[in-house]
N, C-alpha and C. Protein backbone atom coordinates (compact mmCIF):
# COMPACT_ATOMS: atom_id res chain seq x y z
N MET A 1 28.56 -0.32 45.16
CA MET A 1 29.57 0.23 44.36
C MET A 1 29.64 2.00 44.40
N THR A 2 31.49 1.78 44.46
CA THR A 2 32.30 3.15 44.62
C THR A 2 30.84 4.13 44.78
N LYS A 3 31.67 5.51 45.06
CA LYS A 3 30.94 7.22 45.13
C LYS A 3 31.35 7.42 43.76
N LYS A 4 32.84 7.14 43.47
CA LYS A 4 32.53 7.45 41.78
C LYS A 4 31.36 6.79 40.84
N ALA A 5 32.34 6.02 41.15
CA ALA A 5 30.71 4.72 40.24
C ALA A 5 30.03 5.61 40.46
N MET A 6 29.55 5.95 40.92
CA MET A 6 28.11 5.77 41.14
C MET A 6 27.46 7.62 40.32
N ASP A 7 28.49 8.59 41.39
CA ASP A 7 28.44 9.74 40.47
C ASP A 7 28.87 10.49 39.06
N LEU A 8 29.06 8.91 38.52
CA LEU A 8 29.87 9.11 36.90
C LEU A 8 28.02 8.68 36.39
N GLU A 9 27.51 7.26 37.69
CA GLU A 9 26.16 6.98 36.42
C GLU A 9 25.33 8.73 36.73
N ILE A 10 25.49 9.22 38.59
CA ILE A 10 24.44 9.96 37.56
C ILE A 10 24.48 11.49 36.47
N ALA A 11 25.85 11.40 36.34
CA ALA A 11 26.05 12.82 35.73
C ALA A 11 25.79 12.49 34.14
N MET A 12 25.84 10.51 34.18
CA MET A 12 25.73 10.20 32.93
C MET A 12 24.33 10.12 32.36
N THR A 13 23.48 9.78 32.98
CA THR A 13 22.44 9.49 33.18
C THR A 13 21.16 10.91 32.46
N PRO A 14 21.50 12.22 32.78
CA PRO A 14 20.55 12.94 31.78
C PRO A 14 21.66 12.69 30.47
N ARG A 15 22.50 13.19 30.24
CA ARG A 15 23.13 12.77 28.70
C ARG A 15 22.06 11.25 28.13
N ILE A 16 22.77 9.98 27.98
CA ILE A 16 21.64 9.07 28.07
C ILE A 16 20.14 9.43 27.83
N THR A 17 19.70 10.18 28.27
CA THR A 17 18.05 10.45 28.93
C THR A 17 18.22 11.39 27.61
N LEU A 18 18.95 12.44 28.16
CA LEU A 18 18.46 13.79 26.35
C LEU A 18 19.14 12.41 24.89
N ILE A 19 20.02 12.16 24.97
CA ILE A 19 20.66 11.42 23.64
C ILE A 19 19.16 10.04 23.28
N ALA A 20 18.23 9.55 23.78
CA ALA A 20 17.13 8.78 23.21
C ALA A 20 15.77 9.61 23.85
N ALA A 21 15.68 10.59 23.77
CA ALA A 21 15.30 11.61 23.35
C ALA A 21 15.30 11.85 22.11
N ALA A 22 16.21 12.66 21.56
CA ALA A 22 16.59 13.03 20.78
C ALA A 22 16.82 11.93 19.10
N LEU A 23 16.69 10.27 20.04
CA LEU A 23 16.41 9.48 18.75
C LEU A 23 15.38 9.41 18.78
N ALA A 24 14.36 9.41 19.70
CA ALA A 24 13.15 8.82 19.08
C ALA A 24 12.38 10.31 18.98
N PHE A 25 12.98 10.99 18.42
CA PHE A 25 12.50 12.28 18.41
C PHE A 25 12.28 12.48 16.68
N ALA A 26 14.05 11.63 16.48
CA ALA A 26 14.71 11.54 14.84
C ALA A 26 13.31 10.36 13.83
N ALA A 27 13.59 9.39 14.73
CA ALA A 27 13.18 9.09 14.04
C ALA A 27 12.12 8.83 13.17
N PRO A 28 11.12 8.19 12.45
CA PRO A 28 9.84 8.54 11.46
C PRO A 28 8.96 7.59 12.47
N ALA A 29 7.37 8.16 12.37
CA ALA A 29 7.08 7.17 13.43
C ALA A 29 6.24 6.59 12.42
N PHE A 30 5.73 4.84 12.21
CA PHE A 30 5.05 4.52 10.78
C PHE A 30 4.20 4.13 11.25
N ALA A 31 2.12 4.28 11.84
CA ALA A 31 1.91 3.32 12.98
C ALA A 31 0.94 2.61 11.36
N ALA A 32 1.24 1.48 11.89
CA ALA A 32 0.53 1.06 11.48
C ALA A 32 -1.58 1.42 10.89
N PRO A 33 -2.27 0.58 9.44
CA PRO A 33 -3.38 0.85 9.57
C PRO A 33 -3.68 0.01 10.21
N VAL A 34 -5.18 0.42 10.67
CA VAL A 34 -5.77 -1.54 11.70
C VAL A 34 -7.35 -0.88 10.65
N VAL A 35 -8.17 -1.57 10.10
CA VAL A 35 -9.38 -2.54 10.17
C VAL A 35 -9.93 -2.33 11.29
N GLY A 36 -11.27 -1.06 10.23
CA GLY A 36 -12.16 -0.66 11.15
C GLY A 36 -12.06 0.59 11.62
N LYS A 37 -11.18 1.29 11.01
CA LYS A 37 -10.47 2.54 11.30
C LYS A 37 -10.24 3.30 10.05
N PRO A 38 -10.00 4.57 10.96
CA PRO A 38 -9.75 5.64 9.07
C PRO A 38 -8.28 5.22 8.69
N ALA A 39 -9.15 4.63 7.15
CA ALA A 39 -7.88 5.32 6.93
C ALA A 39 -6.10 6.71 6.80
N PRO A 40 -5.30 6.40 6.89
CA PRO A 40 -4.51 7.78 6.44
C PRO A 40 -4.80 8.42 5.20
N ASP A 41 -4.75 9.41 5.58
CA ASP A 41 -4.68 9.74 3.50
C ASP A 41 -3.49 10.53 3.02
N PHE A 42 -4.07 10.90 2.06
CA PHE A 42 -2.94 11.18 1.18
C PHE A 42 -2.89 12.90 0.40
N SER A 43 -1.51 12.95 0.59
CA SER A 43 -1.55 14.10 -0.80
C SER A 43 -0.26 13.26 -1.55
N VAL A 44 -0.24 13.46 -3.20
CA VAL A 44 0.45 13.34 -3.80
C VAL A 44 0.49 13.47 -5.45
N THR A 45 1.31 12.62 -6.20
CA THR A 45 1.14 13.37 -7.92
C THR A 45 0.93 12.04 -8.50
N ASP A 46 0.23 11.73 -8.95
CA ASP A 46 -0.08 10.51 -10.17
C ASP A 46 0.62 11.04 -11.84
N ALA A 47 0.12 9.65 -11.93
CA ALA A 47 0.99 9.39 -13.96
C ALA A 47 0.99 11.06 -14.01
N SER A 48 0.28 11.59 -14.49
CA SER A 48 -0.20 12.52 -15.42
C SER A 48 -0.06 14.08 -14.70
N GLY A 49 0.06 14.24 -13.65
CA GLY A 49 1.00 15.08 -13.14
C GLY A 49 0.20 16.00 -11.89
N LYS A 50 -1.30 14.92 -11.85
CA LYS A 50 -2.28 15.12 -11.31
C LYS A 50 -2.12 14.74 -9.65
N THR A 51 -3.52 15.95 -8.62
CA THR A 51 -2.73 15.73 -7.07
C THR A 51 -3.73 15.00 -6.88
N GLN A 52 -3.49 13.16 -6.24
CA GLN A 52 -4.61 12.43 -6.24
C GLN A 52 -4.31 12.80 -4.43
N SER A 53 -5.59 12.68 -3.73
CA SER A 53 -5.78 12.21 -2.11
C SER A 53 -6.87 11.32 -1.84
N LEU A 54 -6.87 11.06 -0.78
CA LEU A 54 -7.42 9.67 -0.07
C LEU A 54 -9.37 10.94 -0.63
N ALA A 55 -8.75 11.28 0.66
CA ALA A 55 -9.78 12.94 1.45
C ALA A 55 -11.06 13.53 -0.19
N ALA A 56 -10.15 13.61 -1.45
CA ALA A 56 -10.94 13.51 -2.53
C ALA A 56 -12.07 12.45 -3.03
N TYR A 57 -12.28 11.39 -2.60
CA TYR A 57 -13.07 10.35 -2.79
C TYR A 57 -14.04 9.71 -1.61
N LYS A 58 -13.69 11.00 -1.11
CA LYS A 58 -15.39 10.79 0.20
C LYS A 58 -16.17 10.55 -0.13
N GLY A 59 -17.28 8.93 0.27
CA GLY A 59 -18.37 9.24 -0.01
C GLY A 59 -17.99 7.72 -1.53
N ARG A 60 -17.09 7.54 -1.45
CA ARG A 60 -16.73 6.54 -2.97
C ARG A 60 -15.50 5.25 -2.03
N THR A 61 -16.49 4.61 -2.71
CA THR A 61 -15.11 2.44 -2.14
C THR A 61 -13.79 3.61 -2.45
N VAL A 62 -12.79 3.11 -2.56
CA VAL A 62 -11.68 3.43 -2.79
C VAL A 62 -10.54 1.89 -3.12
N VAL A 63 -10.06 1.41 -3.73
CA VAL A 63 -8.99 0.42 -3.11
C VAL A 63 -7.40 0.81 -3.67
N LEU A 64 -6.71 0.57 -3.25
CA LEU A 64 -5.33 0.59 -3.35
C LEU A 64 -4.28 0.09 -3.54
N GLU A 65 -3.57 -0.31 -4.42
CA GLU A 65 -2.70 -1.38 -4.80
C GLU A 65 -1.20 -1.16 -5.39
N TRP A 66 -0.58 -1.47 -5.23
CA TRP A 66 0.43 -1.47 -4.62
C TRP A 66 1.48 -2.06 -5.70
N ASN A 67 2.16 -1.47 -6.89
CA ASN A 67 3.19 -1.94 -7.75
C ASN A 67 4.15 -1.86 -8.10
N ASN A 68 4.81 -2.75 -8.87
CA ASN A 68 6.13 -2.78 -9.29
C ASN A 68 6.42 -4.06 -10.14
N PRO A 69 6.40 -2.88 -11.76
CA PRO A 69 6.07 -3.92 -13.31
C PRO A 69 7.13 -4.88 -13.48
N GLU A 70 8.44 -4.49 -12.01
CA GLU A 70 9.22 -5.69 -12.33
C GLU A 70 8.98 -6.65 -11.31
N CYS A 71 7.78 -7.19 -10.79
CA CYS A 71 8.11 -7.59 -9.76
C CYS A 71 7.24 -9.25 -10.42
N PRO A 72 7.77 -10.16 -10.22
CA PRO A 72 7.10 -11.59 -10.95
C PRO A 72 5.70 -11.69 -10.29
N PHE A 73 5.19 -11.30 -9.06
CA PHE A 73 3.76 -12.23 -8.84
C PHE A 73 3.17 -10.51 -9.12
N VAL A 74 3.53 -9.68 -9.20
CA VAL A 74 2.87 -8.82 -9.97
C VAL A 74 2.22 -8.83 -11.55
N GLY A 75 3.50 -9.45 -12.24
CA GLY A 75 3.39 -9.79 -13.77
C GLY A 75 2.56 -11.35 -13.42
N LYS A 76 2.15 -12.21 -12.32
CA LYS A 76 1.51 -13.64 -12.55
C LYS A 76 -0.50 -12.51 -12.95
N HIS A 77 -0.82 -11.48 -11.50
CA HIS A 77 -1.75 -11.37 -12.15
C HIS A 77 -2.42 -9.96 -13.34
N TYR A 78 -1.31 -8.77 -13.09
CA TYR A 78 -1.19 -8.39 -15.21
C TYR A 78 -1.19 -9.57 -16.45
N GLY A 79 0.07 -10.42 -15.74
CA GLY A 79 0.39 -11.56 -17.39
C GLY A 79 -1.15 -12.40 -17.87
N ALA A 80 -2.13 -12.28 -16.40
CA ALA A 80 -3.12 -12.98 -16.90
C ALA A 80 -4.32 -12.19 -16.81
N LYS A 81 -4.45 -10.69 -16.64
CA LYS A 81 -4.88 -10.16 -16.96
C LYS A 81 -6.01 -9.85 -15.53
N ASN A 82 -5.91 -10.98 -14.44
CA ASN A 82 -6.63 -10.73 -13.52
C ASN A 82 -7.11 -9.13 -12.85
N MET A 83 -5.65 -8.26 -12.49
CA MET A 83 -5.33 -7.26 -12.14
C MET A 83 -6.35 -6.22 -13.26
N GLN A 84 -6.12 -6.40 -14.09
CA GLN A 84 -6.80 -5.32 -14.96
C GLN A 84 -8.22 -5.57 -15.44
N ALA A 85 -9.01 -6.84 -14.85
CA ALA A 85 -10.39 -7.54 -14.82
C ALA A 85 -10.81 -7.12 -13.63
N GLN A 86 -10.09 -7.59 -12.87
CA GLN A 86 -10.83 -6.30 -11.03
C GLN A 86 -10.78 -5.18 -11.03
N GLN A 87 -9.90 -4.38 -11.88
CA GLN A 87 -9.43 -2.84 -11.73
C GLN A 87 -11.37 -2.15 -13.11
N ALA A 88 -11.30 -3.15 -13.57
CA ALA A 88 -12.69 -2.57 -14.66
C ALA A 88 -13.96 -3.22 -13.98
N GLU A 89 -13.96 -4.13 -13.19
CA GLU A 89 -15.04 -5.24 -12.34
C GLU A 89 -15.12 -3.34 -11.44
N ALA A 90 -14.20 -3.30 -11.01
CA ALA A 90 -14.80 -1.92 -10.03
C ALA A 90 -14.91 -0.89 -10.17
N ALA A 91 -14.58 -0.64 -11.21
CA ALA A 91 -14.84 0.96 -11.63
C ALA A 91 -16.04 1.02 -12.83
N SER A 92 -17.05 -0.23 -13.00
CA SER A 92 -18.34 -0.35 -12.64
C SER A 92 -19.19 -0.29 -12.09
N GLU A 93 -18.46 -0.86 -10.92
CA GLU A 93 -19.43 -0.56 -10.06
C GLU A 93 -18.86 0.87 -8.84
N GLY A 94 -18.48 1.55 -9.61
CA GLY A 94 -17.93 3.82 -8.92
C GLY A 94 -17.63 3.21 -8.08
N VAL A 95 -16.33 2.23 -8.30
CA VAL A 95 -15.10 2.11 -7.07
C VAL A 95 -14.18 3.09 -7.68
N VAL A 96 -13.14 4.18 -6.89
CA VAL A 96 -11.58 4.14 -7.06
C VAL A 96 -11.46 3.68 -7.46
N TRP A 97 -9.69 3.02 -8.25
CA TRP A 97 -8.66 1.97 -7.93
C TRP A 97 -7.01 3.34 -8.04
N LEU A 98 -6.65 3.19 -7.88
CA LEU A 98 -5.87 3.60 -7.02
C LEU A 98 -4.69 2.83 -6.73
N THR A 99 -3.12 2.55 -8.46
CA THR A 99 -2.87 2.19 -8.48
C THR A 99 -1.05 3.23 -7.60
N VAL A 100 -0.43 2.53 -7.05
CA VAL A 100 0.42 3.12 -6.10
C VAL A 100 1.96 2.51 -6.27
N ASN A 101 3.02 3.64 -6.60
CA ASN A 101 4.26 3.12 -6.69
C ASN A 101 5.47 3.89 -6.08
N SER A 102 6.10 3.31 -5.00
CA SER A 102 6.58 3.54 -4.34
C SER A 102 7.67 2.98 -3.77
N GLY A 103 8.43 2.56 -5.34
CA GLY A 103 9.83 2.57 -5.35
C GLY A 103 10.45 3.68 -5.76
N ALA A 104 11.79 3.93 -4.67
CA ALA A 104 12.70 5.18 -4.76
C ALA A 104 13.55 5.20 -6.45
N SER A 105 14.47 6.01 -6.39
CA SER A 105 14.95 6.24 -7.43
C SER A 105 16.13 5.48 -7.62
N GLY A 106 16.23 5.08 -8.79
CA GLY A 106 17.22 4.18 -9.24
C GLY A 106 17.05 2.93 -8.39
N LYS A 107 16.08 2.50 -8.06
CA LYS A 107 15.65 0.92 -7.03
C LYS A 107 14.94 -0.12 -8.56
N GLN A 108 13.97 -1.25 -7.94
CA GLN A 108 13.65 -1.58 -8.97
C GLN A 108 12.54 -1.45 -9.19
N GLY A 109 11.98 -1.14 -10.28
CA GLY A 109 10.04 -1.11 -10.61
C GLY A 109 10.32 0.96 -10.36
N HIS A 110 11.24 0.86 -9.96
CA HIS A 110 10.94 2.73 -9.80
C HIS A 110 10.28 3.32 -11.59
N LEU A 111 8.99 3.78 -10.86
CA LEU A 111 8.61 4.78 -12.82
C LEU A 111 8.53 6.18 -12.33
N ASP A 112 8.78 6.73 -13.44
CA ASP A 112 8.73 8.89 -12.69
C ASP A 112 7.00 8.42 -14.22
N GLY A 113 6.77 9.19 -14.58
CA GLY A 113 4.85 9.87 -14.54
C GLY A 113 4.62 9.38 -15.92
N ALA A 114 6.19 9.63 -16.83
CA ALA A 114 5.92 8.87 -18.56
C ALA A 114 6.04 7.85 -18.55
N ALA A 115 7.12 6.98 -17.73
CA ALA A 115 7.05 5.48 -17.90
C ALA A 115 6.17 5.09 -17.46
N ALA A 116 5.55 5.84 -16.02
CA ALA A 116 3.94 5.24 -15.97
C ALA A 116 3.11 4.48 -16.63
N ASN A 117 3.11 5.97 -17.28
CA ASN A 117 1.60 6.25 -18.55
C ASN A 117 2.18 4.99 -19.45
N ALA A 118 2.91 4.33 -19.83
CA ALA A 118 3.11 4.00 -20.90
C ALA A 118 3.57 2.87 -20.81
N TYR A 119 4.00 2.13 -19.43
CA TYR A 119 3.26 1.17 -19.17
C TYR A 119 2.03 0.80 -18.87
N VAL A 120 0.98 1.98 -18.22
CA VAL A 120 -0.23 0.77 -17.62
C VAL A 120 -0.84 1.10 -19.27
N ALA A 121 -0.40 1.87 -20.20
CA ALA A 121 -0.33 1.41 -21.53
C ALA A 121 -0.42 -0.25 -22.20
N LYS A 122 0.30 -0.03 -22.31
CA LYS A 122 1.03 -0.98 -22.22
C LYS A 122 0.37 -2.73 -21.22
N VAL A 123 0.03 -2.66 -20.09
CA VAL A 123 -0.81 -3.75 -19.93
C VAL A 123 -2.34 -3.27 -20.07
N GLY A 124 -2.34 -2.26 -20.85
CA GLY A 124 -3.83 -2.07 -19.96
C GLY A 124 -4.91 -2.26 -19.10
N GLY A 125 -3.95 -1.11 -18.41
CA GLY A 125 -4.53 -1.36 -17.07
C GLY A 125 -5.59 -0.41 -17.19
N LYS A 126 -6.49 -0.85 -15.77
CA LYS A 126 -7.90 0.65 -15.63
C LYS A 126 -8.25 0.29 -14.39
N GLU A 127 -6.87 0.92 -14.42
CA GLU A 127 -7.00 2.00 -12.73
C GLU A 127 -7.64 3.07 -13.50
N ALA A 128 -7.61 3.85 -11.89
CA ALA A 128 -9.15 5.09 -12.44
C ALA A 128 -7.27 6.36 -12.42
N ALA A 129 -5.62 6.12 -11.78
CA ALA A 129 -5.07 6.49 -11.25
C ALA A 129 -3.53 6.47 -11.31
N TYR A 130 -2.59 6.46 -11.92
CA TYR A 130 -1.40 5.34 -11.04
C TYR A 130 -0.10 6.39 -10.13
N LEU A 131 -0.49 6.71 -8.68
CA LEU A 131 0.16 7.21 -8.40
C LEU A 131 1.64 6.58 -8.26
N ILE A 132 2.46 8.06 -8.37
CA ILE A 132 3.77 8.76 -8.31
C ILE A 132 4.18 8.84 -6.72
N ASP A 133 4.96 7.49 -6.05
CA ASP A 133 4.65 7.44 -4.83
C ASP A 133 6.66 7.99 -4.31
N GLY A 134 7.18 8.01 -5.00
CA GLY A 134 8.97 8.17 -4.81
C GLY A 134 9.55 8.17 -3.33
N ASP A 135 8.98 8.80 -2.82
CA ASP A 135 9.40 9.12 -1.70
C ASP A 135 9.21 8.69 -0.76
N GLY A 136 8.75 7.56 -0.58
CA GLY A 136 7.83 6.23 -0.12
C GLY A 136 6.54 6.48 1.08
N LYS A 137 6.44 8.57 0.83
CA LYS A 137 5.33 8.36 1.38
C LYS A 137 4.30 7.66 1.87
N VAL A 138 3.01 7.27 1.00
CA VAL A 138 1.76 6.80 1.33
C VAL A 138 2.29 5.27 1.67
N GLY A 139 3.24 4.49 1.12
CA GLY A 139 3.44 3.43 1.06
C GLY A 139 4.68 3.24 3.08
N HIS A 140 4.51 4.49 3.13
CA HIS A 140 5.07 4.13 5.02
C HIS A 140 3.63 4.40 5.88
N ALA A 141 2.91 5.27 5.17
CA ALA A 141 1.36 5.53 6.02
C ALA A 141 1.07 4.59 6.09
N TYR A 142 0.82 3.40 4.73
CA TYR A 142 0.13 2.28 5.18
C TYR A 142 0.16 0.79 5.12
N ASP A 143 2.27 1.07 5.54
CA ASP A 143 2.64 0.01 5.92
C ASP A 143 2.59 -0.61 5.02
N ALA A 144 2.74 -0.71 3.91
CA ALA A 144 2.90 -1.42 2.36
C ALA A 144 3.96 -2.20 2.47
N LYS A 145 4.04 -3.56 2.41
CA LYS A 145 5.29 -4.38 2.59
C LYS A 145 5.76 -4.72 0.98
N THR A 146 4.87 -5.00 0.62
CA THR A 146 5.04 -6.24 -0.82
C THR A 146 4.47 -5.60 -1.93
N THR A 147 4.58 -5.70 -3.26
CA THR A 147 4.28 -5.94 -4.41
C THR A 147 3.33 -7.66 -5.24
N PRO A 148 2.32 -7.54 -5.46
CA PRO A 148 1.20 -6.75 -5.11
C PRO A 148 0.58 -6.31 -3.21
N HIS A 149 0.87 -5.48 -2.41
CA HIS A 149 0.29 -5.39 -0.94
C HIS A 149 -1.40 -4.91 -1.67
N MET A 150 -2.61 -4.98 -1.30
CA MET A 150 -4.03 -4.30 -1.98
C MET A 150 -4.78 -3.96 -0.45
N TYR A 151 -5.19 -3.25 -0.34
CA TYR A 151 -5.89 -2.31 0.73
C TYR A 151 -7.39 -1.56 0.14
N VAL A 152 -8.60 -1.97 0.56
CA VAL A 152 -9.83 -1.95 0.76
C VAL A 152 -10.61 -0.54 1.17
N ILE A 153 -10.87 1.08 1.04
CA ILE A 153 -11.38 1.56 2.34
C ILE A 153 -12.99 2.16 1.60
N ASP A 154 -13.56 1.99 2.92
CA ASP A 154 -15.43 2.42 2.38
C ASP A 154 -14.91 3.75 1.96
N LYS A 155 -16.87 4.07 1.84
CA LYS A 155 -16.91 5.92 1.14
C LYS A 155 -16.64 6.79 2.58
N ASP A 156 -16.52 5.40 3.82
CA ASP A 156 -16.66 6.74 4.47
C ASP A 156 -15.14 6.99 5.12
N GLY A 157 -14.35 6.31 4.52
CA GLY A 157 -12.88 6.52 4.09
C GLY A 157 -12.19 5.45 5.75
N VAL A 158 -13.35 4.74 6.24
CA VAL A 158 -12.74 3.30 7.71
C VAL A 158 -11.78 2.05 6.09
N LEU A 159 -11.13 2.05 6.65
CA LEU A 159 -9.96 0.97 6.07
C LEU A 159 -11.17 -0.75 6.30
N ARG A 160 -11.34 -1.28 5.70
CA ARG A 160 -12.67 -2.35 5.04
C ARG A 160 -11.36 -3.87 5.10
N TYR A 161 -10.26 -4.00 4.78
CA TYR A 161 -9.73 -4.99 3.60
C TYR A 161 -7.85 -5.14 3.78
N MET A 162 -7.58 -5.70 4.22
CA MET A 162 -5.67 -4.99 4.05
C MET A 162 -5.05 -6.28 3.49
N GLY A 163 -4.00 -6.79 3.17
CA GLY A 163 -3.60 -8.05 2.91
C GLY A 163 -3.54 -8.11 1.70
N GLY A 164 -3.42 -9.41 0.48
CA GLY A 164 -2.97 -9.95 -0.31
C GLY A 164 -4.24 -9.56 -1.72
N ILE A 165 -4.11 -9.98 -2.87
CA ILE A 165 -5.35 -9.67 -3.68
C ILE A 165 -6.49 -10.81 -3.40
N ASP A 166 -5.28 -12.20 -3.24
CA ASP A 166 -5.78 -13.45 -3.52
C ASP A 166 -5.32 -14.17 -2.44
N SER A 167 -5.49 -15.72 -1.83
CA SER A 167 -5.11 -16.33 -0.83
C SER A 167 -4.22 -17.30 -1.51
N ILE A 168 -3.12 -17.69 -3.06
CA ILE A 168 -2.72 -18.70 -3.06
C ILE A 168 -1.61 -17.86 -3.72
N ALA A 169 0.20 -17.71 -2.82
CA ALA A 169 0.95 -16.54 -2.74
C ALA A 169 1.76 -17.54 -3.70
N SER A 170 1.56 -17.05 -5.31
CA SER A 170 2.66 -17.77 -5.79
C SER A 170 2.76 -17.50 -7.03
N THR A 171 3.49 -17.16 -7.86
CA THR A 171 3.67 -16.47 -9.16
C THR A 171 3.45 -16.93 -10.65
N ASP A 172 2.31 -18.59 -10.35
CA ASP A 172 1.99 -19.12 -11.13
C ASP A 172 0.45 -18.75 -11.57
N LYS A 173 0.28 -18.65 -13.34
CA LYS A 173 -0.69 -18.18 -13.08
C LYS A 173 -1.92 -19.45 -12.58
N GLU A 174 -1.18 -20.56 -12.94
CA GLU A 174 -2.72 -21.21 -13.51
C GLU A 174 -3.80 -21.14 -11.51
N ASP A 175 -2.94 -20.37 -10.88
CA ASP A 175 -2.98 -20.81 -9.81
C ASP A 175 -4.60 -19.26 -9.37
N ILE A 176 -4.24 -18.83 -10.07
CA ILE A 176 -5.85 -17.47 -9.82
C ILE A 176 -6.84 -17.83 -9.40
N PRO A 177 -7.00 -19.32 -11.10
CA PRO A 177 -8.65 -19.49 -10.83
C PRO A 177 -8.85 -20.60 -9.51
N LYS A 178 -8.19 -20.98 -9.14
CA LYS A 178 -8.12 -22.03 -7.78
C LYS A 178 -8.80 -20.64 -6.72
N ALA A 179 -7.90 -19.89 -6.28
CA ALA A 179 -7.83 -18.36 -5.37
C ALA A 179 -8.48 -18.19 -4.93
N THR A 180 -9.04 -17.93 -3.69
CA THR A 180 -10.30 -16.61 -2.87
C THR A 180 -9.34 -15.31 -4.28
N GLN A 181 -10.37 -14.37 -4.36
CA GLN A 181 -10.09 -13.48 -4.77
C GLN A 181 -10.48 -12.41 -3.59
N TYR A 182 -9.22 -12.09 -2.54
CA TYR A 182 -10.07 -11.02 -1.35
C TYR A 182 -10.05 -9.78 -1.41
N VAL A 183 -9.59 -9.51 -2.75
CA VAL A 183 -10.04 -8.05 -2.45
C VAL A 183 -11.73 -7.53 -3.38
N ARG A 184 -12.13 -8.59 -4.85
CA ARG A 184 -13.28 -8.67 -4.94
C ARG A 184 -14.48 -9.27 -4.17
N GLN A 185 -13.76 -10.26 -3.02
CA GLN A 185 -14.95 -10.39 -2.08
C GLN A 185 -14.90 -9.68 -1.18
N ALA A 186 -13.60 -8.59 -1.04
CA ALA A 186 -14.84 -7.54 -0.01
C ALA A 186 -14.82 -5.79 -1.06
N LEU A 187 -15.19 -6.40 -2.18
CA LEU A 187 -16.22 -5.18 -3.16
C LEU A 187 -17.56 -5.55 -3.25
N ALA A 188 -17.48 -6.72 -3.30
CA ALA A 188 -18.67 -7.39 -2.74
C ALA A 188 -19.64 -7.57 -2.26
N GLU A 189 -18.88 -7.69 -0.97
CA GLU A 189 -19.67 -7.55 0.62
C GLU A 189 -19.90 -6.00 0.89
N ILE A 190 -18.74 -5.73 0.91
CA ILE A 190 -19.24 -3.66 0.77
C ILE A 190 -20.26 -3.31 -0.36
N LYS A 191 -20.87 -3.83 -0.59
CA LYS A 191 -21.78 -3.40 -2.12
C LYS A 191 -22.76 -3.62 -1.33
N ASP A 192 -23.29 -4.86 -0.38
CA ASP A 192 -24.38 -5.63 -0.36
C ASP A 192 -25.21 -5.05 1.18
N GLY A 193 -23.69 -3.72 1.77
CA GLY A 193 -23.69 -3.30 3.31
C GLY A 193 -23.78 -4.78 3.98
N LYS A 194 -22.40 -5.73 3.84
CA LYS A 194 -22.83 -7.29 4.57
C LYS A 194 -21.17 -6.84 5.20
N ALA A 195 -20.86 -7.30 6.56
CA ALA A 195 -19.05 -6.79 7.05
C ALA A 195 -18.27 -7.99 6.45
N VAL A 196 -17.45 -7.04 5.90
CA VAL A 196 -15.61 -8.19 4.88
C VAL A 196 -15.95 -10.04 6.07
N SER A 197 -15.81 -10.39 5.31
CA SER A 197 -15.95 -11.46 6.07
C SER A 197 -14.06 -12.28 6.15
N VAL A 198 -13.32 -11.22 5.59
CA VAL A 198 -11.47 -12.04 5.40
C VAL A 198 -11.22 -9.97 4.73
N PRO A 199 -11.34 -9.77 7.08
CA PRO A 199 -10.67 -8.23 6.52
C PRO A 199 -8.93 -8.26 6.37
N THR A 200 -8.32 -8.84 6.89
CA THR A 200 -6.95 -8.93 6.99
C THR A 200 -6.52 -11.02 5.88
N SER A 201 -5.97 -10.47 5.35
CA SER A 201 -4.49 -11.45 5.19
C SER A 201 -3.12 -11.69 4.90
N GLU A 202 -2.58 -12.34 4.76
CA GLU A 202 -0.85 -12.22 4.33
C GLU A 202 -0.71 -11.47 3.49
N PRO A 203 -0.13 -10.92 2.71
CA PRO A 203 0.47 -10.36 1.69
C PRO A 203 1.32 -10.51 1.61
N TYR A 204 1.75 -10.65 0.03
CA TYR A 204 2.22 -11.73 -0.34
C TYR A 204 2.83 -11.24 -1.59
N GLY A 205 4.43 -10.95 -2.69
CA GLY A 205 5.50 -10.55 -3.41
C GLY A 205 6.15 -9.92 -2.80
N CYS A 206 6.71 -9.23 -4.25
CA CYS A 206 8.43 -8.63 -4.18
C CYS A 206 8.10 -7.53 -2.56
N SER A 207 9.59 -7.45 -1.31
CA SER A 207 8.89 -6.40 -0.73
C SER A 207 9.10 -4.99 -2.20
N VAL A 208 8.77 -3.92 -1.17
CA VAL A 208 8.30 -2.39 -1.33
C VAL A 208 9.59 -2.21 -1.54
N LYS A 209 10.33 -1.76 -2.84
CA LYS A 209 11.93 -1.13 -2.86
C LYS A 209 11.68 0.23 -2.34
N TYR A 210 11.67 0.55 -0.89
CA TYR A 210 11.80 1.82 -0.55
C TYR A 210 13.59 2.67 -0.76
N GLY A 211 13.62 3.84 -0.57
CA GLY A 211 14.23 5.02 -0.40
C GLY A 211 14.97 4.04 0.99
N SER A 212 14.23 4.92 1.98
CA SER A 212 14.89 4.09 2.90
C SER A 212 13.14 4.18 4.14
């Protein structure tokens, strides 16, 4: 290397370092949640205008369900009443079921509060609340990828399950009775004081329609 080239390399190094540091600082850091570790807390408004947070439900098991009303995979489970049945079962056991919509304004499936309440009434949803996460903060905190994408959090705030609602990735309602219902199974095992036998699975569905 010539002296001129070496001088240029030395001169550029601090600039490159500063640019890299600036990019690293500017880029949002979204660490994926880990089963067996505390689930990320959040604070977000629901369809009725009430602030909802995970911390508010400490001492109770919580289910998070990512939703897009226009997604055919979501339609499979709501059309067959599978999702509503599991919501009702969970509620009867004192479990808090929160449905989350992380679709950005202008994207497929985005709902405002009034539209979300109308959707819940139309499908007969039995969730405790429907959360409007239009800026995607809750979705990114949980690394939610699909609708549906499911998470089960125990009474101590520890993530115990994340993945698909069941074991057959399809839009066919006829597959539901044949599938292992992972969320129902995880809730039963937690209730019985057992380790969750399938703590993770591959989520399936439509991609979450984040704005960024």
